[in-house]
Amino acid sequence: MNCKFQATTLLALALICAYFPAESASNPLRCLCINSINQVRFRIVEDYLIIPKEAHCRTTQIILVINYQNSKMEVCLNPETKQGRALVACWDRIGHDITRKKECILTPRKRAAEN
């Protein structure tokens, strides 16, 4: 009888954990960017993610995916720098349109090559 109770309790806990996923898996309760850099060459930036201010983090977070010496890395860009403000302004200007996302990280040389 005791074994049946333990098995039922374990099954109930497993169902509850499956139904209510951990907060931290999808929405961390702290800033993702602990350290940030002030500048990066946009020619090595492949992608970026801008996370606006939220209750768990008081600053806008800019996460860049860069290709540096043939290895991909994620770095955080300081949103208070000129480059950070320009990237956020461009993201706002294109209306957060993912299909136009690359426009914000194109260097003049890359723009000329695409045209």
PDB file of N, CA and C in Angstrom:
ATOM      1  N   MET A   1       0.818  -1.196   0.000  1.00  0.00           N
ATOM      2  CA  MET A   1       0.000   0.000   0.000  1.00  0.00           C
ATOM      3  C   MET A   1       0.863   1.262   0.000  1.00  0.00           C
ATOM      4  N   ASN A   2       1.886   1.261   0.808  1.00  0.00           N
ATOM      5  CA  ASN A   2       2.785   2.393   0.879  1.00  0.00           C
ATOM      6  C   ASN A   2       3.477   2.623  -0.464  1.00  0.00           C
ATOM      7  N   CYS A   3       3.806   1.548  -1.151  1.00  0.00           N
ATOM      8  CA  CYS A   3       4.473   1.639  -2.451  1.00  0.00           C
ATOM      9  C   CYS A   3       3.541   2.256  -3.499  1.00  0.00           C
ATOM     10  N   LYS A   4       2.245   1.908  -3.441  1.00  0.00           N
ATOM     11  CA  LYS A   4       1.264   2.483  -4.379  1.00  0.00           C
ATOM     12  C   LYS A   4       1.113   3.980  -4.140  1.00  0.00           C
ATOM     13  N   PHE A   5       1.114   4.393  -2.885  1.00  0.00           N
ATOM     14  CA  PHE A   5       0.991   5.802  -2.551  1.00  0.00           C
ATOM     15  C   PHE A   5       2.197   6.584  -3.065  1.00  0.00           C
ATOM     16  N   GLN A   6       3.395   6.020  -2.889  1.00  0.00           N
ATOM     17  CA  GLN A   6       4.604   6.682  -3.366  1.00  0.00           C
ATOM     18  C   GLN A   6       4.621   6.784  -4.895  1.00  0.00           C
ATOM     19  N   ALA A   7       4.175   5.728  -5.556  1.00  0.00           N
ATOM     20  CA  ALA A   7       4.150   5.742  -7.024  1.00  0.00           C
ATOM     21  C   ALA A   7       3.145   6.766  -7.533  1.00  0.00           C
ATOM     22  N   THR A   8       1.987   6.850  -6.875  1.00  0.00           N
ATOM     23  CA  THR A   8       0.966   7.822  -7.268  1.00  0.00           C
ATOM     24  C   THR A   8       1.459   9.248  -7.039  1.00  0.00           C
ATOM     25  N   THR A   9       2.111   9.468  -5.922  1.00  0.00           N
ATOM     26  CA  THR A   9       2.664  10.788  -5.621  1.00  0.00           C
ATOM     27  C   THR A   9       3.733  11.176  -6.634  1.00  0.00           C
ATOM     28  N   LEU A  10       4.608  10.250  -6.959  1.00  0.00           N
ATOM     29  CA  LEU A  10       5.657  10.511  -7.931  1.00  0.00           C
ATOM     30  C   LEU A  10       5.073  10.830  -9.300  1.00  0.00           C
ATOM     31  N   LEU A  11       4.052  10.076  -9.705  1.00  0.00           N
ATOM     32  CA  LEU A  11       3.400  10.327 -10.990  1.00  0.00           C
ATOM     33  C   LEU A  11       2.721  11.698 -11.005  1.00  0.00           C
ATOM     34  N   ALA A  12       2.071  12.062  -9.922  1.00  0.00           N
ATOM     35  CA  ALA A  12       1.412  13.364  -9.834  1.00  0.00           C
ATOM     36  C   ALA A  12       2.433  14.499  -9.920  1.00  0.00           C
ATOM     37  N   LEU A  13       3.560  14.336  -9.226  1.00  0.00           N
ATOM     38  CA  LEU A  13       4.606  15.360  -9.286  1.00  0.00           C
ATOM     39  C   LEU A  13       5.195  15.469 -10.688  1.00  0.00           C
ATOM     40  N   ALA A  14       5.372  14.349 -11.355  1.00  0.00           N
ATOM     41  CA  ALA A  14       5.891  14.374 -12.719  1.00  0.00           C
ATOM     42  C   ALA A  14       4.934  15.100 -13.653  1.00  0.00           C
ATOM     43  N   LEU A  15       3.650  14.864 -13.514  1.00  0.00           N
ATOM     44  CA  LEU A  15       2.656  15.542 -14.349  1.00  0.00           C
ATOM     45  C   LEU A  15       2.621  17.041 -14.071  1.00  0.00           C
ATOM     46  N   ILE A  16       2.717  17.405 -12.809  1.00  0.00           N
ATOM     47  CA  ILE A  16       2.713  18.823 -12.451  1.00  0.00           C
ATOM     48  C   ILE A  16       3.949  19.515 -13.027  1.00  0.00           C
ATOM     49  N   CYS A  17       5.114  18.885 -12.928  1.00  0.00           N
ATOM     50  CA  CYS A  17       6.343  19.475 -13.471  1.00  0.00           C
ATOM     51  C   CYS A  17       6.271  19.591 -14.987  1.00  0.00           C
ATOM     52  N   ALA A  18       5.660  18.621 -15.629  1.00  0.00           N
ATOM     53  CA  ALA A  18       5.536  18.672 -17.089  1.00  0.00           C
ATOM     54  C   ALA A  18       4.543  19.760 -17.508  1.00  0.00           C
ATOM     55  N   TYR A  19       3.512  19.964 -16.719  1.00  0.00           N
ATOM     56  CA  TYR A  19       2.482  20.947 -17.067  1.00  0.00           C
ATOM     57  C   TYR A  19       2.943  22.370 -16.803  1.00  0.00           C
ATOM     58  N   PHE A  20       3.707  22.598 -15.762  1.00  0.00           N
ATOM     59  CA  PHE A  20       4.216  23.917 -15.399  1.00  0.00           C
ATOM     60  C   PHE A  20       5.727  23.936 -15.571  1.00  0.00           C
ATOM     61  N   PRO A  21       6.217  24.267 -16.776  1.00  0.00           N
ATOM     62  CA  PRO A  21       7.667  24.275 -16.984  1.00  0.00           C
ATOM     63  C   PRO A  21       8.341  25.326 -16.124  1.00  0.00           C
ATOM     64  N   ALA A  22       9.607  25.139 -15.890  1.00  0.00           N
ATOM     65  CA  ALA A  22      10.378  26.072 -15.055  1.00  0.00           C
ATOM     66  C   ALA A  22      10.415  27.446 -15.703  1.00  0.00           C
ATOM     67  N   GLU A  23      10.286  28.489 -14.918  1.00  0.00           N
ATOM     68  CA  GLU A  23      10.337  29.866 -15.411  1.00  0.00           C
ATOM     69  C   GLU A  23      11.640  30.144 -16.126  1.00  0.00           C
ATOM     70  N   SER A  24      12.722  29.648 -15.567  1.00  0.00           N
ATOM     71  CA  SER A  24      14.032  30.000 -16.093  1.00  0.00           C
ATOM     72  C   SER A  24      14.301  29.420 -17.477  1.00  0.00           C
ATOM     73  N   ALA A  25      13.561  28.406 -17.872  1.00  0.00           N
ATOM     74  CA  ALA A  25      13.812  27.802 -19.180  1.00  0.00           C
ATOM     75  C   ALA A  25      13.412  28.739 -20.314  1.00  0.00           C
ATOM     76  N   SER A  26      12.321  29.430 -20.175  1.00  0.00           N
ATOM     77  CA  SER A  26      11.862  30.280 -21.266  1.00  0.00           C
ATOM     78  C   SER A  26      12.011  31.768 -20.971  1.00  0.00           C
ATOM     79  N   ASN A  27      11.980  32.148 -19.732  1.00  0.00           N
ATOM     80  CA  ASN A  27      12.064  33.549 -19.359  1.00  0.00           C
ATOM     81  C   ASN A  27      12.928  33.677 -18.108  1.00  0.00           C
ATOM     82  N   PRO A  28      14.221  33.873 -18.289  1.00  0.00           N
ATOM     83  CA  PRO A  28      15.097  33.919 -17.121  1.00  0.00           C
ATOM     84  C   PRO A  28      14.727  35.057 -16.178  1.00  0.00           C
ATOM     85  N   LEU A  29      14.992  34.858 -14.908  1.00  0.00           N
ATOM     86  CA  LEU A  29      14.629  35.846 -13.892  1.00  0.00           C
ATOM     87  C   LEU A  29      15.761  36.818 -13.599  1.00  0.00           C
ATOM     88  N   ARG A  30      16.732  36.907 -14.515  1.00  0.00           N
ATOM     89  CA  ARG A  30      17.831  37.856 -14.355  1.00  0.00           C
ATOM     90  C   ARG A  30      18.299  38.291 -15.738  1.00  0.00           C
ATOM     91  N   CYS A  31      19.163  39.284 -15.767  1.00  0.00           N
ATOM     92  CA  CYS A  31      19.716  39.740 -17.047  1.00  0.00           C
ATOM     93  C   CYS A  31      20.606  38.656 -17.654  1.00  0.00           C
ATOM     94  N   LEU A  32      20.517  38.508 -18.955  1.00  0.00           N
ATOM     95  CA  LEU A  32      21.393  37.569 -19.655  1.00  0.00           C
ATOM     96  C   LEU A  32      22.771  38.178 -19.870  1.00  0.00           C
ATOM     97  N   CYS A  33      22.816  39.493 -20.012  1.00  0.00           N
ATOM     98  CA  CYS A  33      24.084  40.192 -20.253  1.00  0.00           C
ATOM     99  C   CYS A  33      24.657  40.691 -18.935  1.00  0.00           C
ATOM    100  N   ILE A  34      25.638  39.990 -18.435  1.00  0.00           N
ATOM    101  CA  ILE A  34      26.304  40.414 -17.208  1.00  0.00           C
ATOM    102  C   ILE A  34      27.443  41.373 -17.564  1.00  0.00           C
ATOM    103  N   ASN A  35      28.249  40.970 -18.524  1.00  0.00           N
ATOM    104  CA  ASN A  35      29.337  41.815 -19.025  1.00  0.00           C
ATOM    105  C   ASN A  35      29.028  42.189 -20.460  1.00  0.00           C
ATOM    106  N   SER A  36      29.373  43.403 -20.843  1.00  0.00           N
ATOM    107  CA  SER A  36      29.113  43.816 -22.227  1.00  0.00           C
ATOM    108  C   SER A  36      30.317  44.564 -22.774  1.00  0.00           C
ATOM    109  N   ILE A  37      30.429  44.532 -24.101  1.00  0.00           N
ATOM    110  CA  ILE A  37      31.514  45.243 -24.766  1.00  0.00           C
ATOM    111  C   ILE A  37      30.963  46.563 -25.289  1.00  0.00           C
ATOM    112  N   ASN A  38      31.837  47.503 -25.541  1.00  0.00           N
ATOM    113  CA  ASN A  38      31.402  48.824 -25.983  1.00  0.00           C
ATOM    114  C   ASN A  38      31.336  48.968 -27.492  1.00  0.00           C
ATOM    115  N   GLN A  39      32.067  48.133 -28.200  1.00  0.00           N
ATOM    116  CA  GLN A  39      32.098  48.281 -29.647  1.00  0.00           C
ATOM    117  C   GLN A  39      32.498  46.962 -30.280  1.00  0.00           C
ATOM    118  N   VAL A  40      31.971  46.706 -31.475  1.00  0.00           N
ATOM    119  CA  VAL A  40      32.335  45.526 -32.247  1.00  0.00           C
ATOM    120  C   VAL A  40      32.260  45.900 -33.724  1.00  0.00           C
ATOM    121  N   ARG A  41      33.093  45.306 -34.531  1.00  0.00           N
ATOM    122  CA  ARG A  41      33.024  45.571 -35.968  1.00  0.00           C
ATOM    123  C   ARG A  41      31.810  44.857 -36.534  1.00  0.00           C
ATOM    124  N   PHE A  42      30.930  45.622 -37.162  1.00  0.00           N
ATOM    125  CA  PHE A  42      29.697  45.033 -37.672  1.00  0.00           C
ATOM    126  C   PHE A  42      29.948  44.018 -38.781  1.00  0.00           C
ATOM    127  N   ARG A  43      31.113  44.051 -39.392  1.00  0.00           N
ATOM    128  CA  ARG A  43      31.380  43.091 -40.469  1.00  0.00           C
ATOM    129  C   ARG A  43      31.485  41.661 -39.941  1.00  0.00           C
ATOM    130  N   ILE A  44      31.764  41.490 -38.636  1.00  0.00           N
ATOM    131  CA  ILE A  44      31.827  40.140 -38.077  1.00  0.00           C
ATOM    132  C   ILE A  44      30.525  39.733 -37.387  1.00  0.00           C
ATOM    133  N   VAL A  45      29.538  40.632 -37.360  1.00  0.00           N
ATOM    134  CA  VAL A  45      28.252  40.327 -36.728  1.00  0.00           C
ATOM    135  C   VAL A  45      27.381  39.564 -37.722  1.00  0.00           C
ATOM    136  N   GLU A  46      26.910  38.404 -37.308  1.00  0.00           N
ATOM    137  CA  GLU A  46      26.051  37.596 -38.166  1.00  0.00           C
ATOM    138  C   GLU A  46      24.578  37.745 -37.815  1.00  0.00           C
ATOM    139  N   ASP A  47      24.288  37.949 -36.545  1.00  0.00           N
ATOM    140  CA  ASP A  47      22.898  38.063 -36.105  1.00  0.00           C
ATOM    141  C   ASP A  47      22.882  38.808 -34.773  1.00  0.00           C
ATOM    142  N   TYR A  48      21.713  39.212 -34.364  1.00  0.00           N
ATOM    143  CA  TYR A  48      21.591  39.900 -33.082  1.00  0.00           C
ATOM    144  C   TYR A  48      20.204  39.686 -32.499  1.00  0.00           C
ATOM    145  N   LEU A  49      20.098  39.919 -31.219  1.00  0.00           N
ATOM    146  CA  LEU A  49      18.825  39.840 -30.501  1.00  0.00           C
ATOM    147  C   LEU A  49      18.784  41.021 -29.546  1.00  0.00           C
ATOM    148  N   ILE A  50      17.686  41.758 -29.599  1.00  0.00           N
ATOM    149  CA  ILE A  50      17.508  42.885 -28.688  1.00  0.00           C
ATOM    150  C   ILE A  50      16.371  42.543 -27.739  1.00  0.00           C
ATOM    151  N   ILE A  51      16.682  42.534 -26.458  1.00  0.00           N
ATOM    152  CA  ILE A  51      15.689  42.235 -25.426  1.00  0.00           C
ATOM    153  C   ILE A  51      15.403  43.535 -24.690  1.00  0.00           C
ATOM    154  N   PRO A  52      14.164  44.035 -24.781  1.00  0.00           N
ATOM    155  CA  PRO A  52      13.858  45.315 -24.122  1.00  0.00           C
ATOM    156  C   PRO A  52      13.878  45.194 -22.594  1.00  0.00           C
ATOM    157  N   LYS A  53      13.867  46.345 -21.947  1.00  0.00           N
ATOM    158  CA  LYS A  53      13.819  46.375 -20.487  1.00  0.00           C
ATOM    159  C   LYS A  53      12.603  45.594 -20.016  1.00  0.00           C
ATOM    160  N   GLU A  54      12.806  44.814 -18.953  1.00  0.00           N
ATOM    161  CA  GLU A  54      11.715  44.047 -18.359  1.00  0.00           C
ATOM    162  C   GLU A  54      11.846  44.116 -16.850  1.00  0.00           C
ATOM    163  N   ALA A  55      10.889  43.533 -16.165  1.00  0.00           N
ATOM    164  CA  ALA A  55      10.890  43.588 -14.710  1.00  0.00           C
ATOM    165  C   ALA A  55      12.134  42.934 -14.112  1.00  0.00           C
ATOM    166  N   HIS A  56      12.623  41.871 -14.732  1.00  0.00           N
ATOM    167  CA  HIS A  56      13.771  41.157 -14.177  1.00  0.00           C
ATOM    168  C   HIS A  56      15.112  41.753 -14.589  1.00  0.00           C
ATOM    169  N   CYS A  57      15.094  42.692 -15.555  1.00  0.00           N
ATOM    170  CA  CYS A  57      16.344  43.321 -16.003  1.00  0.00           C
ATOM    171  C   CYS A  57      16.050  44.775 -16.368  1.00  0.00           C
ATOM    172  N   ARG A  58      16.727  45.695 -15.729  1.00  0.00           N
ATOM    173  CA  ARG A  58      16.431  47.126 -15.892  1.00  0.00           C
ATOM    174  C   ARG A  58      17.038  47.747 -17.132  1.00  0.00           C
ATOM    175  N   THR A  59      17.859  47.013 -17.878  1.00  0.00           N
ATOM    176  CA  THR A  59      18.486  47.571 -19.066  1.00  0.00           C
ATOM    177  C   THR A  59      18.095  46.791 -20.314  1.00  0.00           C
ATOM    178  N   THR A  60      18.141  47.481 -21.445  1.00  0.00           N
ATOM    179  CA  THR A  60      17.965  46.814 -22.720  1.00  0.00           C
ATOM    180  C   THR A  60      19.190  45.941 -22.950  1.00  0.00           C
ATOM    181  N   GLN A  61      18.971  44.721 -23.412  1.00  0.00           N
ATOM    182  CA  GLN A  61      20.074  43.806 -23.659  1.00  0.00           C
ATOM    183  C   GLN A  61      20.238  43.596 -25.159  1.00  0.00           C
ATOM    184  N   ILE A  62      21.461  43.693 -25.646  1.00  0.00           N
ATOM    185  CA  ILE A  62      21.771  43.466 -27.052  1.00  0.00           C
ATOM    186  C   ILE A  62      22.754  42.301 -27.111  1.00  0.00           C
ATOM    187  N   ILE A  63      22.305  41.194 -27.664  1.00  0.00           N
ATOM    188  CA  ILE A  63      23.146  40.009 -27.781  1.00  0.00           C
ATOM    189  C   ILE A  63      23.510  39.839 -29.250  1.00  0.00           C
ATOM    190  N   LEU A  64      24.802  39.848 -29.539  1.00  0.00           N
ATOM    191  CA  LEU A  64      25.291  39.718 -30.903  1.00  0.00           C
ATOM    192  C   LEU A  64      25.879  38.329 -31.115  1.00  0.00           C
ATOM    193  N   VAL A  65      25.614  37.761 -32.277  1.00  0.00           N
ATOM    194  CA  VAL A  65      26.285  36.531 -32.698  1.00  0.00           C
ATOM    195  C   VAL A  65      27.364  36.968 -33.670  1.00  0.00           C
ATOM    196  N   ILE A  66      28.610  36.726 -33.290  1.00  0.00           N
ATOM    197  CA  ILE A  66      29.715  37.172 -34.142  1.00  0.00           C
ATOM    198  C   ILE A  66      30.515  35.965 -34.629  1.00  0.00           C
ATOM    199  N   ASN A  67      31.130  36.132 -35.782  1.00  0.00           N
ATOM    200  CA  ASN A  67      32.016  35.125 -36.341  1.00  0.00           C
ATOM    201  C   ASN A  67      33.426  35.678 -36.217  1.00  0.00           C
ATOM    202  N   TYR A  68      34.148  35.215 -35.228  1.00  0.00           N
ATOM    203  CA  TYR A  68      35.483  35.717 -34.952  1.00  0.00           C
ATOM    204  C   TYR A  68      36.483  34.583 -35.105  1.00  0.00           C
ATOM    205  N   GLN A  69      37.389  34.722 -36.033  1.00  0.00           N
ATOM    206  CA  GLN A  69      38.419  33.727 -36.323  1.00  0.00           C
ATOM    207  C   GLN A  69      37.802  32.343 -36.546  1.00  0.00           C
ATOM    208  N   ASN A  70      36.777  32.318 -37.385  1.00  0.00           N
ATOM    209  CA  ASN A  70      36.077  31.094 -37.784  1.00  0.00           C
ATOM    210  C   ASN A  70      35.390  30.353 -36.638  1.00  0.00           C
ATOM    211  N   SER A  71      35.034  31.061 -35.602  1.00  0.00           N
ATOM    212  CA  SER A  71      34.231  30.449 -34.542  1.00  0.00           C
ATOM    213  C   SER A  71      33.130  31.434 -34.151  1.00  0.00           C
ATOM    214  N   LYS A  72      31.943  30.900 -33.952  1.00  0.00           N
ATOM    215  CA  LYS A  72      30.803  31.746 -33.582  1.00  0.00           C
ATOM    216  C   LYS A  72      30.775  31.933 -32.079  1.00  0.00           C
ATOM    217  N   MET A  73      30.524  33.166 -31.686  1.00  0.00           N
ATOM    218  CA  MET A  73      30.451  33.515 -30.276  1.00  0.00           C
ATOM    219  C   MET A  73      29.270  34.448 -30.064  1.00  0.00           C
ATOM    220  N   GLU A  74      28.751  34.444 -28.859  1.00  0.00           N
ATOM    221  CA  GLU A  74      27.732  35.413 -28.470  1.00  0.00           C
ATOM    222  C   GLU A  74      28.369  36.406 -27.511  1.00  0.00           C
ATOM    223  N   VAL A  75      28.175  37.681 -27.809  1.00  0.00           N
ATOM    224  CA  VAL A  75      28.668  38.742 -26.930  1.00  0.00           C
ATOM    225  C   VAL A  75      27.544  39.747 -26.714  1.00  0.00           C
ATOM    226  N   CYS A  76      27.629  40.441 -25.628  1.00  0.00           N
ATOM    227  CA  CYS A  76      26.644  41.474 -25.334  1.00  0.00           C
ATOM    228  C   CYS A  76      27.244  42.839 -25.654  1.00  0.00           C
ATOM    229  N   LEU A  77      26.447  43.656 -26.310  1.00  0.00           N
ATOM    230  CA  LEU A  77      26.856  45.011 -26.655  1.00  0.00           C
ATOM    231  C   LEU A  77      26.191  45.982 -25.685  1.00  0.00           C
ATOM    232  N   ASN A  78      26.957  46.898 -25.163  1.00  0.00           N
ATOM    233  CA  ASN A  78      26.441  47.895 -24.235  1.00  0.00           C
ATOM    234  C   ASN A  78      25.428  48.792 -24.962  1.00  0.00           C
ATOM    235  N   PRO A  79      24.172  48.821 -24.512  1.00  0.00           N
ATOM    236  CA  PRO A  79      23.159  49.616 -25.192  1.00  0.00           C
ATOM    237  C   PRO A  79      23.324  51.120 -25.006  1.00  0.00           C
ATOM    238  N   GLU A  80      24.199  51.546 -24.111  1.00  0.00           N
ATOM    239  CA  GLU A  80      24.406  52.969 -23.853  1.00  0.00           C
ATOM    240  C   GLU A  80      25.470  53.585 -24.766  1.00  0.00           C
ATOM    241  N   THR A  81      26.198  52.765 -25.504  1.00  0.00           N
ATOM    242  CA  THR A  81      27.224  53.290 -26.404  1.00  0.00           C
ATOM    243  C   THR A  81      26.576  53.763 -27.704  1.00  0.00           C
ATOM    244  N   LYS A  82      27.357  54.499 -28.484  1.00  0.00           N
ATOM    245  CA  LYS A  82      26.854  55.005 -29.758  1.00  0.00           C
ATOM    246  C   LYS A  82      26.399  53.864 -30.664  1.00  0.00           C
ATOM    247  N   GLN A  83      27.184  52.813 -30.737  1.00  0.00           N
ATOM    248  CA  GLN A  83      26.850  51.668 -31.584  1.00  0.00           C
ATOM    249  C   GLN A  83      25.601  50.933 -31.065  1.00  0.00           C
ATOM    250  N   GLY A  84      25.495  50.799 -29.756  1.00  0.00           N
ATOM    251  CA  GLY A  84      24.329  50.149 -29.164  1.00  0.00           C
ATOM    252  C   GLY A  84      23.057  50.947 -29.416  1.00  0.00           C
ATOM    253  N   ARG A  85      23.130  52.268 -29.211  1.00  0.00           N
ATOM    254  CA  ARG A  85      21.953  53.116 -29.458  1.00  0.00           C
ATOM    255  C   ARG A  85      21.554  53.092 -30.925  1.00  0.00           C
ATOM    256  N   ALA A  86      22.549  53.076 -31.819  1.00  0.00           N
ATOM    257  CA  ALA A  86      22.257  53.045 -33.254  1.00  0.00           C
ATOM    258  C   ALA A  86      21.573  51.738 -33.649  1.00  0.00           C
ATOM    259  N   LEU A  87      22.005  50.628 -33.078  1.00  0.00           N
ATOM    260  CA  LEU A  87      21.392  49.338 -33.398  1.00  0.00           C
ATOM    261  C   LEU A  87      19.950  49.278 -32.890  1.00  0.00           C
ATOM    262  N   VAL A  88      19.725  49.763 -31.685  1.00  0.00           N
ATOM    263  CA  VAL A  88      18.360  49.790 -31.137  1.00  0.00           C
ATOM    264  C   VAL A  88      17.477  50.725 -31.959  1.00  0.00           C
ATOM    265  N   ALA A  89      18.001  51.890 -32.356  1.00  0.00           N
ATOM    266  CA  ALA A  89      17.231  52.842 -33.168  1.00  0.00           C
ATOM    267  C   ALA A  89      16.873  52.236 -34.522  1.00  0.00           C
ATOM    268  N   CYS A  90      17.813  51.533 -35.137  1.00  0.00           N
ATOM    269  CA  CYS A  90      17.536  50.885 -36.423  1.00  0.00           C
ATOM    270  C   CYS A  90      16.466  49.809 -36.257  1.00  0.00           C
ATOM    271  N   TRP A  91      16.578  49.010 -35.206  1.00  0.00           N
ATOM    272  CA  TRP A  91      15.591  47.961 -34.923  1.00  0.00           C
ATOM    273  C   TRP A  91      14.198  48.557 -34.744  1.00  0.00           C
ATOM    274  N   ASP A  92      14.125  49.685 -34.054  1.00  0.00           N
ATOM    275  CA  ASP A  92      12.835  50.377 -33.894  1.00  0.00           C
ATOM    276  C   ASP A  92      12.354  50.952 -35.226  1.00  0.00           C
ATOM    277  N   ARG A  93      13.276  51.504 -36.015  1.00  0.00           N
ATOM    278  CA  ARG A  93      12.925  52.116 -37.296  1.00  0.00           C
ATOM    279  C   ARG A  93      12.329  51.095 -38.276  1.00  0.00           C
ATOM    280  N   ILE A  94      12.859  49.873 -38.277  1.00  0.00           N
ATOM    281  CA  ILE A  94      12.318  48.860 -39.190  1.00  0.00           C
ATOM    282  C   ILE A  94      11.112  48.146 -38.591  1.00  0.00           C
ATOM    283  N   GLY A  95      10.660  48.617 -37.446  1.00  0.00           N
ATOM    284  CA  GLY A  95       9.442  48.089 -36.833  1.00  0.00           C
ATOM    285  C   GLY A  95       9.572  46.674 -36.317  1.00  0.00           C
ATOM    286  N   HIS A  96      10.755  46.301 -35.867  1.00  0.00           N
ATOM    287  CA  HIS A  96      11.031  44.970 -35.324  1.00  0.00           C
ATOM    288  C   HIS A  96      10.711  43.871 -36.345  1.00  0.00           C
ATOM    289  N   ASP A  97      10.870  44.192 -37.619  1.00  0.00           N
ATOM    290  CA  ASP A  97      10.592  43.260 -38.713  1.00  0.00           C
ATOM    291  C   ASP A  97      11.784  42.320 -38.892  1.00  0.00           C
ATOM    292  N   ILE A  98      11.594  41.054 -38.579  1.00  0.00           N
ATOM    293  CA  ILE A  98      12.678  40.083 -38.633  1.00  0.00           C
ATOM    294  C   ILE A  98      13.219  39.920 -40.049  1.00  0.00           C
ATOM    295  N   THR A  99      12.368  40.077 -41.046  1.00  0.00           N
ATOM    296  CA  THR A  99      12.825  39.916 -42.432  1.00  0.00           C
ATOM    297  C   THR A  99      13.775  41.033 -42.853  1.00  0.00           C
ATOM    298  N   ARG A 100      13.742  42.171 -42.159  1.00  0.00           N
ATOM    299  CA  ARG A 100      14.618  43.302 -42.478  1.00  0.00           C
ATOM    300  C   ARG A 100      15.746  43.453 -41.463  1.00  0.00           C
ATOM    301  N   LYS A 101      15.893  42.494 -40.596  1.00  0.00           N
ATOM    302  CA  LYS A 101      16.839  42.548 -39.484  1.00  0.00           C
ATOM    303  C   LYS A 101      18.278  42.829 -39.926  1.00  0.00           C
ATOM    304  N   LYS A 102      18.711  42.234 -41.030  1.00  0.00           N
ATOM    305  CA  LYS A 102      20.094  42.388 -41.499  1.00  0.00           C
ATOM    306  C   LYS A 102      20.424  43.827 -41.890  1.00  0.00           C
ATOM    307  N   GLU A 103      19.413  44.633 -42.217  1.00  0.00           N
ATOM    308  CA  GLU A 103      19.652  46.029 -42.591  1.00  0.00           C
ATOM    309  C   GLU A 103      20.398  46.791 -41.493  1.00  0.00           C
ATOM    310  N   CYS A 104      20.177  46.393 -40.276  1.00  0.00           N
ATOM    311  CA  CYS A 104      20.766  47.120 -39.148  1.00  0.00           C
ATOM    312  C   CYS A 104      22.232  46.791 -38.914  1.00  0.00           C
ATOM    313  N   ILE A 105      22.724  45.708 -39.507  1.00  0.00           N
ATOM    314  CA  ILE A 105      24.127  45.341 -39.279  1.00  0.00           C
ATOM    315  C   ILE A 105      24.943  45.360 -40.564  1.00  0.00           C
ATOM    316  N   LEU A 106      24.371  45.888 -41.639  1.00  0.00           N
ATOM    317  CA  LEU A 106      25.112  45.983 -42.884  1.00  0.00           C
ATOM    318  C   LEU A 106      26.085  47.155 -42.843  1.00  0.00           C
ATOM    319  N   THR A 107      27.310  46.892 -43.192  1.00  0.00           N
ATOM    320  CA  THR A 107      28.302  47.961 -43.323  1.00  0.00           C
ATOM    321  C   THR A 107      28.116  48.600 -44.687  1.00  0.00           C
ATOM    322  N   PRO A 108      28.628  49.804 -44.912  1.00  0.00           N
ATOM    323  CA  PRO A 108      28.500  50.435 -46.236  1.00  0.00           C
ATOM    324  C   PRO A 108      29.026  49.542 -47.361  1.00  0.00           C
ATOM    325  N   ARG A 109      30.083  48.813 -47.101  1.00  0.00           N
ATOM    326  CA  ARG A 109      30.653  47.918 -48.116  1.00  0.00           C
ATOM    327  C   ARG A 109      29.673  46.786 -48.445  1.00  0.00           C
ATOM    328  N   LYS A 110      29.033  46.201 -47.406  1.00  0.00           N
ATOM    329  CA  LYS A 110      28.065  45.129 -47.643  1.00  0.00           C
ATOM    330  C   LYS A 110      26.826  45.663 -48.366  1.00  0.00           C
ATOM    331  N   ARG A 111      26.420  46.897 -48.019  1.00  0.00           N
ATOM    332  CA  ARG A 111      25.263  47.498 -48.692  1.00  0.00           C
ATOM    333  C   ARG A 111      25.541  47.667 -50.190  1.00  0.00           C
ATOM    334  N   ALA A 112      26.732  48.148 -50.513  1.00  0.00           N
ATOM    335  CA  ALA A 112      27.113  48.362 -51.909  1.00  0.00           C
ATOM    336  C   ALA A 112      27.168  47.030 -52.660  1.00  0.00           C
ATOM    337  N   ALA A 113      27.609  45.985 -52.012  1.00  0.00           N
ATOM    338  CA  ALA A 113      27.699  44.676 -52.641  1.00  0.00           C
ATOM    339  C   ALA A 113      26.324  44.084 -52.920  1.00  0.00           C
ATOM    340  N   GLU A 114      25.346  44.385 -52.053  1.00  0.00           N
ATOM    341  CA  GLU A 114      23.995  43.865 -52.246  1.00  0.00           C
ATOM    342  C   GLU A 114      23.248  44.611 -53.339  1.00  0.00           C
ATOM    343  N   ASN A 115      23.598  45.845 -53.600  1.00  0.00           N
ATOM    344  CA  ASN A 115      22.887  46.641 -54.609  1.00  0.00           C
ATOM    345  C   ASN A 115      23.461  46.471 -55.965  1.00  0.00           C
TER     346      ASN A 115
END
